[in-house]
């Protein structure tokens, strides 16, 4: 597999779930990992937990809905480690709701985090990677970016948008040494469902999610690591990972 000693990874949404597991994976392989999220207390806890890993860790409190925050995150990483080899746009929320219930504030938050957060991440890191003519930009989308489910009209829309943004980016930079990957997980046991406030949806999910065993965050971290470790001439554009009995 790849040698990550001396290489640097930025992970947004690093305070829990897939972001946390991916941070542990890359730090364990010797990478410098910059943990970014809004919850500074949780980032400090995670940094302490991973302190015995061979890779060095740094934290940067970041709100991906604020462009300057994301620009500062990338600049902080360059100032600290000299380069960015991999950016994982992983911050996201999933407050599913039926459109008839008009959870407008939650719609807006999903657009801001799930779409604008990806755009701001790409915009912040791309000039640096183009200058070096190397790097890898990854984004966590979802199986919901491939198929629409009841209560997921807005969420699925944001995850489809993330996929399209990454596909468009890949076409724009084709021929460079910068790679792009979209990771589309199925059902994973994370904090995502804790953002759901629509009681109708919560009742529906109790019946639906009990039908199969969810993946663990480490399963997705392994898929991310796999895509990141292909030869430089191999660009794994998309990876779909779901429980083997999820339709």
C-alpha atoms as a PDB file:
ATOM      1  CA  UNK A   1       0.000   0.000   0.000  1.00  0.00           C
ATOM      2  CA  UNK A   2       0.988   3.651  -0.192  1.00  0.00           C
ATOM      3  CA  UNK A   3       3.597   5.335   1.975  1.00  0.00           C
ATOM      4  CA  UNK A   4       1.892   8.159   3.882  1.00  0.00           C
ATOM      5  CA  UNK A   5       4.859   9.233   5.973  1.00  0.00           C
ATOM      6  CA  UNK A   6       5.357  12.950   5.394  1.00  0.00           C
ATOM      7  CA  UNK A   7       2.080  13.322   3.477  1.00  0.00           C
ATOM      8  CA  UNK A   8      -0.768  15.468   4.736  1.00  0.00           C
ATOM      9  CA  UNK A   9      -4.505  14.815   4.891  1.00  0.00           C
ATOM     10  CA  UNK A  10      -7.294  17.269   5.730  1.00  0.00           C
ATOM     11  CA  UNK A  11     -10.568  15.793   6.959  1.00  0.00           C
ATOM     12  CA  UNK A  12     -13.669  17.924   7.493  1.00  0.00           C
ATOM     13  CA  UNK A  13     -16.419  16.543   9.671  1.00  0.00           C
ATOM     14  CA  UNK A  14     -13.637  14.831  11.592  1.00  0.00           C
ATOM     15  CA  UNK A  15     -15.224  14.960  15.034  1.00  0.00           C
ATOM     16  CA  UNK A  16     -17.154  11.689  14.710  1.00  0.00           C
ATOM     17  CA  UNK A  17     -18.234   8.833  12.478  1.00  0.00           C
ATOM     18  CA  UNK A  18     -16.575   8.393   9.096  1.00  0.00           C
ATOM     19  CA  UNK A  19     -14.318  11.399   9.606  1.00  0.00           C
ATOM     20  CA  UNK A  20     -13.040  10.100  12.925  1.00  0.00           C
ATOM     21  CA  UNK A  21     -12.446   6.593  11.571  1.00  0.00           C
ATOM     22  CA  UNK A  22     -10.644   7.933   8.503  1.00  0.00           C
ATOM     23  CA  UNK A  23      -8.438  10.135  10.665  1.00  0.00           C
ATOM     24  CA  UNK A  24      -7.465   7.101  12.724  1.00  0.00           C
ATOM     25  CA  UNK A  25      -6.686   5.113   9.575  1.00  0.00           C
ATOM     26  CA  UNK A  26      -4.409   7.689   7.974  1.00  0.00           C
ATOM     27  CA  UNK A  27      -2.709   8.665  11.234  1.00  0.00           C
ATOM     28  CA  UNK A  28      -2.039   4.977  11.791  1.00  0.00           C
ATOM     29  CA  UNK A  29      -0.318   4.876   8.401  1.00  0.00           C
ATOM     30  CA  UNK A  30       1.976   7.766   9.302  1.00  0.00           C
ATOM     31  CA  UNK A  31       0.195  10.688   7.639  1.00  0.00           C
ATOM     32  CA  UNK A  32      -0.046  14.164   9.088  1.00  0.00           C
ATOM     33  CA  UNK A  33      -3.779  14.587   9.659  1.00  0.00           C
ATOM     34  CA  UNK A  34      -5.549  17.905  10.156  1.00  0.00           C
ATOM     35  CA  UNK A  35      -8.844  17.379  11.949  1.00  0.00           C
ATOM     36  CA  UNK A  36     -11.490  19.953  11.080  1.00  0.00           C
ATOM     37  CA  UNK A  37     -14.979  20.373  12.516  1.00  0.00           C
ATOM     38  CA  UNK A  38     -17.065  22.824  14.518  1.00  0.00           C
ATOM     39  CA  UNK A  39     -16.799  20.957  17.836  1.00  0.00           C
ATOM     40  CA  UNK A  40     -13.390  21.971  19.158  1.00  0.00           C
ATOM     41  CA  UNK A  41     -13.805  19.975  22.370  1.00  0.00           C
ATOM     42  CA  UNK A  42     -14.432  16.799  20.393  1.00  0.00           C
ATOM     43  CA  UNK A  43     -11.468  17.502  18.109  1.00  0.00           C
ATOM     44  CA  UNK A  44      -9.199  17.834  21.141  1.00  0.00           C
ATOM     45  CA  UNK A  45     -10.534  14.548  22.529  1.00  0.00           C
ATOM     46  CA  UNK A  46      -9.879  12.810  19.232  1.00  0.00           C
ATOM     47  CA  UNK A  47      -6.387  14.232  18.981  1.00  0.00           C
ATOM     48  CA  UNK A  48      -5.644  12.860  22.455  1.00  0.00           C
ATOM     49  CA  UNK A  49      -7.118   9.466  21.577  1.00  0.00           C
ATOM     50  CA  UNK A  50      -4.966   9.175  18.466  1.00  0.00           C
ATOM     51  CA  UNK A  51      -1.836  10.566  20.073  1.00  0.00           C
ATOM     52  CA  UNK A  52      -0.069   7.202  20.031  1.00  0.00           C
ATOM     53  CA  UNK A  53      -0.406   6.811  16.264  1.00  0.00           C
ATOM     54  CA  UNK A  54       2.733   7.334  14.167  1.00  0.00           C
ATOM     55  CA  UNK A  55       1.202  10.218  12.203  1.00  0.00           C
ATOM     56  CA  UNK A  56       1.108  13.763  13.571  1.00  0.00           C
ATOM     57  CA  UNK A  57      -2.262  15.372  14.267  1.00  0.00           C
ATOM     58  CA  UNK A  58      -3.405  18.975  14.294  1.00  0.00           C
ATOM     59  CA  UNK A  59      -6.842  20.490  14.798  1.00  0.00           C
ATOM     60  CA  UNK A  60      -8.527  23.481  13.211  1.00  0.00           C
ATOM     61  CA  UNK A  61     -12.003  24.517  14.270  1.00  0.00           C
ATOM     62  CA  UNK A  62     -13.863  24.974  10.993  1.00  0.00           C
ATOM     63  CA  UNK A  63     -17.398  25.738   9.870  1.00  0.00           C
ATOM     64  CA  UNK A  64     -17.556  24.527   6.268  1.00  0.00           C
ATOM     65  CA  UNK A  65     -20.487  26.849   5.550  1.00  0.00           C
ATOM     66  CA  UNK A  66     -18.127  29.821   5.966  1.00  0.00           C
ATOM     67  CA  UNK A  67     -15.805  30.153   2.979  1.00  0.00           C
ATOM     68  CA  UNK A  68     -13.114  32.009   4.919  1.00  0.00           C
ATOM     69  CA  UNK A  69     -13.045  29.237   7.521  1.00  0.00           C
ATOM     70  CA  UNK A  70     -12.270  26.696   4.822  1.00  0.00           C
ATOM     71  CA  UNK A  71      -9.673  28.935   3.182  1.00  0.00           C
ATOM     72  CA  UNK A  72      -8.052  29.381   6.602  1.00  0.00           C
ATOM     73  CA  UNK A  73      -8.100  25.604   7.139  1.00  0.00           C
ATOM     74  CA  UNK A  74      -6.147  24.952   3.954  1.00  0.00           C
ATOM     75  CA  UNK A  75      -3.706  27.778   4.630  1.00  0.00           C
ATOM     76  CA  UNK A  76      -3.196  26.529   8.207  1.00  0.00           C
ATOM     77  CA  UNK A  77      -2.367  23.089   6.832  1.00  0.00           C
ATOM     78  CA  UNK A  78       0.107  24.466   4.298  1.00  0.00           C
ATOM     79  CA  UNK A  79       1.739  26.665   6.944  1.00  0.00           C
ATOM     80  CA  UNK A  80       2.010  23.723   9.338  1.00  0.00           C
ATOM     81  CA  UNK A  81       2.988  20.867   7.023  1.00  0.00           C
ATOM     82  CA  UNK A  82       3.961  22.532   3.753  1.00  0.00           C
ATOM     83  CA  UNK A  83       1.428  20.796   1.537  1.00  0.00           C
ATOM     84  CA  UNK A  84      -1.982  19.151   1.190  1.00  0.00           C
ATOM     85  CA  UNK A  85      -1.916  15.706  -0.395  1.00  0.00           C
ATOM     86  CA  UNK A  86      -5.506  14.688   0.289  1.00  0.00           C
ATOM     87  CA  UNK A  87      -8.643  16.634   1.156  1.00  0.00           C
ATOM     88  CA  UNK A  88     -11.669  14.663   2.341  1.00  0.00           C
ATOM     89  CA  UNK A  89     -14.826  16.793   2.176  1.00  0.00           C
ATOM     90  CA  UNK A  90     -16.716  14.778   4.742  1.00  0.00           C
ATOM     91  CA  UNK A  91     -18.829  17.259   6.715  1.00  0.00           C
ATOM     92  CA  UNK A  92     -22.524  16.588   6.214  1.00  0.00           C
ATOM     93  CA  UNK A  93     -25.923  16.422   7.874  1.00  0.00           C
ATOM     94  CA  UNK A  94     -29.040  14.353   7.166  1.00  0.00           C
ATOM     95  CA  UNK A  95     -32.166  15.840   8.781  1.00  0.00           C
ATOM     96  CA  UNK A  96     -34.603  13.875   6.628  1.00  0.00           C
ATOM     97  CA  UNK A  97     -38.125  15.240   6.496  1.00  0.00           C
ATOM     98  CA  UNK A  98     -41.280  14.988   4.440  1.00  0.00           C
ATOM     99  CA  UNK A  99     -41.652  18.057   2.268  1.00  0.00           C
ATOM    100  CA  UNK A 100     -45.242  18.592   3.428  1.00  0.00           C
ATOM    101  CA  UNK A 101     -43.860  19.306   6.910  1.00  0.00           C
ATOM    102  CA  UNK A 102     -41.799  22.253   5.611  1.00  0.00           C
ATOM    103  CA  UNK A 103     -38.604  21.950   7.641  1.00  0.00           C
ATOM    104  CA  UNK A 104     -37.231  24.879   5.672  1.00  0.00           C
ATOM    105  CA  UNK A 105     -34.432  25.729   8.094  1.00  0.00           C
ATOM    106  CA  UNK A 106     -33.140  22.161   7.808  1.00  0.00           C
ATOM    107  CA  UNK A 107     -33.298  22.301   4.009  1.00  0.00           C
ATOM    108  CA  UNK A 108     -31.141  25.402   4.088  1.00  0.00           C
ATOM    109  CA  UNK A 109     -28.617  23.841   6.467  1.00  0.00           C
ATOM    110  CA  UNK A 110     -28.260  20.802   4.209  1.00  0.00           C
ATOM    111  CA  UNK A 111     -27.638  22.976   1.175  1.00  0.00           C
ATOM    112  CA  UNK A 112     -25.085  25.036   3.110  1.00  0.00           C
ATOM    113  CA  UNK A 113     -23.146  22.094   4.562  1.00  0.00           C
ATOM    114  CA  UNK A 114     -23.598  19.314   2.013  1.00  0.00           C
ATOM    115  CA  UNK A 115     -23.183  21.423  -1.130  1.00  0.00           C
ATOM    116  CA  UNK A 116     -21.511  24.728  -0.281  1.00  0.00           C
ATOM    117  CA  UNK A 117     -19.125  22.959   2.087  1.00  0.00           C
ATOM    118  CA  UNK A 118     -17.909  20.795  -0.802  1.00  0.00           C
ATOM    119  CA  UNK A 119     -17.564  23.796  -3.112  1.00  0.00           C
ATOM    120  CA  UNK A 120     -15.626  25.779  -0.529  1.00  0.00           C
ATOM    121  CA  UNK A 121     -13.309  22.820   0.093  1.00  0.00           C
ATOM    122  CA  UNK A 122     -12.590  22.341  -3.595  1.00  0.00           C
ATOM    123  CA  UNK A 123     -12.108  26.068  -4.127  1.00  0.00           C
ATOM    124  CA  UNK A 124      -9.697  26.388  -1.217  1.00  0.00           C
ATOM    125  CA  UNK A 125      -7.404  23.474  -2.033  1.00  0.00           C
ATOM    126  CA  UNK A 126      -7.467  23.326  -5.825  1.00  0.00           C
ATOM    127  CA  UNK A 127      -5.063  26.215  -6.567  1.00  0.00           C
ATOM    128  CA  UNK A 128      -2.479  24.664  -4.239  1.00  0.00           C
ATOM    129  CA  UNK A 129      -2.813  21.245  -5.863  1.00  0.00           C
ATOM    130  CA  UNK A 130      -2.701  22.695  -9.369  1.00  0.00           C
ATOM    131  CA  UNK A 131       0.483  24.566  -8.497  1.00  0.00           C
ATOM    132  CA  UNK A 132       2.082  21.342  -7.267  1.00  0.00           C
ATOM    133  CA  UNK A 133       0.380  19.265 -10.006  1.00  0.00           C
ATOM    134  CA  UNK A 134      -0.454  16.585  -7.497  1.00  0.00           C
ATOM    135  CA  UNK A 135      -3.096  15.803  -4.903  1.00  0.00           C
ATOM    136  CA  UNK A 136      -6.368  14.020  -4.304  1.00  0.00           C
ATOM    137  CA  UNK A 137      -9.784  15.529  -3.562  1.00  0.00           C
ATOM    138  CA  UNK A 138     -12.401  13.224  -2.081  1.00  0.00           C
ATOM    139  CA  UNK A 139     -15.995  13.907  -1.101  1.00  0.00           C
ATOM    140  CA  UNK A 140     -18.387  11.836   0.958  1.00  0.00           C
ATOM    141  CA  UNK A 141     -21.665  11.617  -0.932  1.00  0.00           C
ATOM    142  CA  UNK A 142     -24.165   8.823  -0.219  1.00  0.00           C
ATOM    143  CA  UNK A 143     -26.166   6.043  -1.781  1.00  0.00           C
ATOM    144  CA  UNK A 144     -28.856   8.731  -1.488  1.00  0.00           C
ATOM    145  CA  UNK A 145     -27.026  10.526  -4.282  1.00  0.00           C
ATOM    146  CA  UNK A 146     -27.927   7.629  -6.571  1.00  0.00           C
ATOM    147  CA  UNK A 147     -31.541   6.942  -5.609  1.00  0.00           C
ATOM    148  CA  UNK A 148     -34.271   8.964  -3.960  1.00  0.00           C
ATOM    149  CA  UNK A 149     -36.134   7.759  -0.897  1.00  0.00           C
ATOM    150  CA  UNK A 150     -39.293   9.077   0.778  1.00  0.00           C
ATOM    151  CA  UNK A 151     -38.370  11.971   3.109  1.00  0.00           C
ATOM    152  CA  UNK A 152     -35.041  12.371   1.303  1.00  0.00           C
ATOM    153  CA  UNK A 153     -35.949  14.785  -1.489  1.00  0.00           C
ATOM    154  CA  UNK A 154     -33.687  17.553  -0.227  1.00  0.00           C
ATOM    155  CA  UNK A 155     -30.973  15.346   1.292  1.00  0.00           C
ATOM    156  CA  UNK A 156     -30.763  13.198  -1.838  1.00  0.00           C
ATOM    157  CA  UNK A 157     -30.633  16.374  -3.900  1.00  0.00           C
ATOM    158  CA  UNK A 158     -27.630  17.636  -1.962  1.00  0.00           C
ATOM    159  CA  UNK A 159     -25.806  14.331  -2.247  1.00  0.00           C
ATOM    160  CA  UNK A 160     -26.542  14.111  -5.967  1.00  0.00           C
ATOM    161  CA  UNK A 161     -25.164  17.629  -6.280  1.00  0.00           C
ATOM    162  CA  UNK A 162     -21.978  16.578  -4.478  1.00  0.00           C
ATOM    163  CA  UNK A 163     -21.505  13.743  -6.972  1.00  0.00           C
ATOM    164  CA  UNK A 164     -22.049  16.047  -9.949  1.00  0.00           C
ATOM    165  CA  UNK A 165     -19.641  18.648  -8.576  1.00  0.00           C
ATOM    166  CA  UNK A 166     -16.952  16.003  -8.207  1.00  0.00           C
ATOM    167  CA  UNK A 167     -17.617  14.580 -11.662  1.00  0.00           C
ATOM    168  CA  UNK A 168     -17.406  18.042 -13.188  1.00  0.00           C
ATOM    169  CA  UNK A 169     -14.203  18.764 -11.290  1.00  0.00           C
ATOM    170  CA  UNK A 170     -12.674  15.531 -12.529  1.00  0.00           C
ATOM    171  CA  UNK A 171     -13.416  16.449 -16.140  1.00  0.00           C
ATOM    172  CA  UNK A 172     -11.969  19.937 -15.699  1.00  0.00           C
ATOM    173  CA  UNK A 173      -8.652  18.700 -14.347  1.00  0.00           C
ATOM    174  CA  UNK A 174      -8.330  15.580 -16.497  1.00  0.00           C
ATOM    175  CA  UNK A 175      -4.760  15.289 -17.699  1.00  0.00           C
ATOM    176  CA  UNK A 176      -3.305  16.669 -14.482  1.00  0.00           C
ATOM    177  CA  UNK A 177      -1.929  14.561 -11.657  1.00  0.00           C
ATOM    178  CA  UNK A 178      -4.819  15.530  -9.375  1.00  0.00           C
ATOM    179  CA  UNK A 179      -7.327  12.792  -8.690  1.00  0.00           C
ATOM    180  CA  UNK A 180     -10.962  12.958  -7.593  1.00  0.00           C
ATOM    181  CA  UNK A 181     -13.080  10.397  -5.753  1.00  0.00           C
ATOM    182  CA  UNK A 182     -16.657  10.341  -4.528  1.00  0.00           C
ATOM    183  CA  UNK A 183     -17.432   7.927  -1.702  1.00  0.00           C
ATOM    184  CA  UNK A 184     -21.100   6.873  -1.538  1.00  0.00           C
ATOM    185  CA  UNK A 185     -21.904   4.929   1.640  1.00  0.00           C
ATOM    186  CA  UNK A 186     -25.099   3.065   2.273  1.00  0.00           C
ATOM    187  CA  UNK A 187     -26.473   2.879   5.802  1.00  0.00           C
ATOM    188  CA  UNK A 188     -23.670   3.476   8.319  1.00  0.00           C
ATOM    189  CA  UNK A 189     -23.944   3.555  12.104  1.00  0.00           C
ATOM    190  CA  UNK A 190     -23.063   7.240  12.685  1.00  0.00           C
ATOM    191  CA  UNK A 191     -24.560  10.354  14.278  1.00  0.00           C
ATOM    192  CA  UNK A 192     -26.311  11.357  11.038  1.00  0.00           C
ATOM    193  CA  UNK A 193     -29.742  10.160  12.092  1.00  0.00           C
ATOM    194  CA  UNK A 194     -29.510  12.214  15.283  1.00  0.00           C
ATOM    195  CA  UNK A 195     -30.190  15.352  13.240  1.00  0.00           C
ATOM    196  CA  UNK A 196     -33.654  14.115  12.209  1.00  0.00           C
ATOM    197  CA  UNK A 197     -36.474  15.987  13.942  1.00  0.00           C
ATOM    198  CA  UNK A 198     -39.429  14.957  11.749  1.00  0.00           C
ATOM    199  CA  UNK A 199     -41.463  12.520  13.858  1.00  0.00           C
ATOM    200  CA  UNK A 200     -43.064  10.955  10.776  1.00  0.00           C
ATOM    201  CA  UNK A 201     -39.630  10.130   9.407  1.00  0.00           C
ATOM    202  CA  UNK A 202     -38.344   8.739  12.692  1.00  0.00           C
ATOM    203  CA  UNK A 203     -41.284   6.326  12.810  1.00  0.00           C
ATOM    204  CA  UNK A 204     -40.626   5.232   9.220  1.00  0.00           C
ATOM    205  CA  UNK A 205     -36.918   4.668   9.851  1.00  0.00           C
ATOM    206  CA  UNK A 206     -37.573   2.468  12.879  1.00  0.00           C
ATOM    207  CA  UNK A 207     -39.221  -0.030  10.536  1.00  0.00           C
ATOM    208  CA  UNK A 208     -36.826   0.368   7.625  1.00  0.00           C
ATOM    209  CA  UNK A 209     -33.437   0.345   9.315  1.00  0.00           C
ATOM    210  CA  UNK A 210     -34.259  -2.665  11.426  1.00  0.00           C
ATOM    211  CA  UNK A 211     -34.183  -4.838   8.304  1.00  0.00           C
ATOM    212  CA  UNK A 212     -30.387  -4.999   7.993  1.00  0.00           C
ATOM    213  CA  UNK A 213     -27.168  -4.443   9.895  1.00  0.00           C
ATOM    214  CA  UNK A 214     -25.578  -1.057   9.296  1.00  0.00           C
ATOM    215  CA  UNK A 215     -21.962  -0.689   8.273  1.00  0.00           C
ATOM    216  CA  UNK A 216     -19.426   0.752  10.701  1.00  0.00           C
ATOM    217  CA  UNK A 217     -17.477   3.927  10.033  1.00  0.00           C
ATOM    218  CA  UNK A 218     -14.255   1.937   9.779  1.00  0.00           C
ATOM    219  CA  UNK A 219     -15.691   0.122   6.752  1.00  0.00           C
ATOM    220  CA  UNK A 220     -15.955   3.421   4.895  1.00  0.00           C
ATOM    221  CA  UNK A 221     -12.525   4.527   6.109  1.00  0.00           C
ATOM    222  CA  UNK A 222     -11.065   1.397   4.523  1.00  0.00           C
ATOM    223  CA  UNK A 223     -12.771   2.214   1.218  1.00  0.00           C
ATOM    224  CA  UNK A 224     -11.375   5.753   1.345  1.00  0.00           C
ATOM    225  CA  UNK A 225      -7.902   4.421   2.051  1.00  0.00           C
ATOM    226  CA  UNK A 226      -8.196   1.947  -0.819  1.00  0.00           C
ATOM    227  CA  UNK A 227      -9.063   4.712  -3.307  1.00  0.00           C
ATOM    228  CA  UNK A 228      -6.263   6.920  -2.016  1.00  0.00           C
ATOM    229  CA  UNK A 229      -3.658   4.207  -2.426  1.00  0.00           C
ATOM    230  CA  UNK A 230      -4.036   3.353  -6.072  1.00  0.00           C
ATOM    231  CA  UNK A 231      -1.105   4.068  -8.413  1.00  0.00           C
ATOM    232  CA  UNK A 232      -0.929   7.711  -9.462  1.00  0.00           C
ATOM    233  CA  UNK A 233      -2.138   6.853 -12.962  1.00  0.00           C
ATOM    234  CA  UNK A 234      -5.284   5.215 -11.527  1.00  0.00           C
ATOM    235  CA  UNK A 235      -8.200   7.460 -10.576  1.00  0.00           C
ATOM    236  CA  UNK A 236     -10.990   5.693  -8.699  1.00  0.00           C
ATOM    237  CA  UNK A 237     -13.738   8.198  -9.424  1.00  0.00           C
ATOM    238  CA  UNK A 238     -16.486   6.662  -7.333  1.00  0.00           C
ATOM    239  CA  UNK A 239     -16.896   3.997  -4.686  1.00  0.00           C
ATOM    240  CA  UNK A 240     -20.279   2.715  -3.469  1.00  0.00           C
ATOM    241  CA  UNK A 241     -20.202   0.817  -0.168  1.00  0.00           C
ATOM    242  CA  UNK A 242     -23.345  -0.532   1.464  1.00  0.00           C
ATOM    243  CA  UNK A 243     -24.468  -3.389   3.697  1.00  0.00           C
ATOM    244  CA  UNK A 244     -24.707  -6.552   1.609  1.00  0.00           C
ATOM    245  CA  UNK A 245     -28.442  -6.878   2.296  1.00  0.00           C
ATOM    246  CA  UNK A 246     -29.361  -3.229   1.691  1.00  0.00           C
ATOM    247  CA  UNK A 247     -31.392  -2.854  -1.488  1.00  0.00           C
END
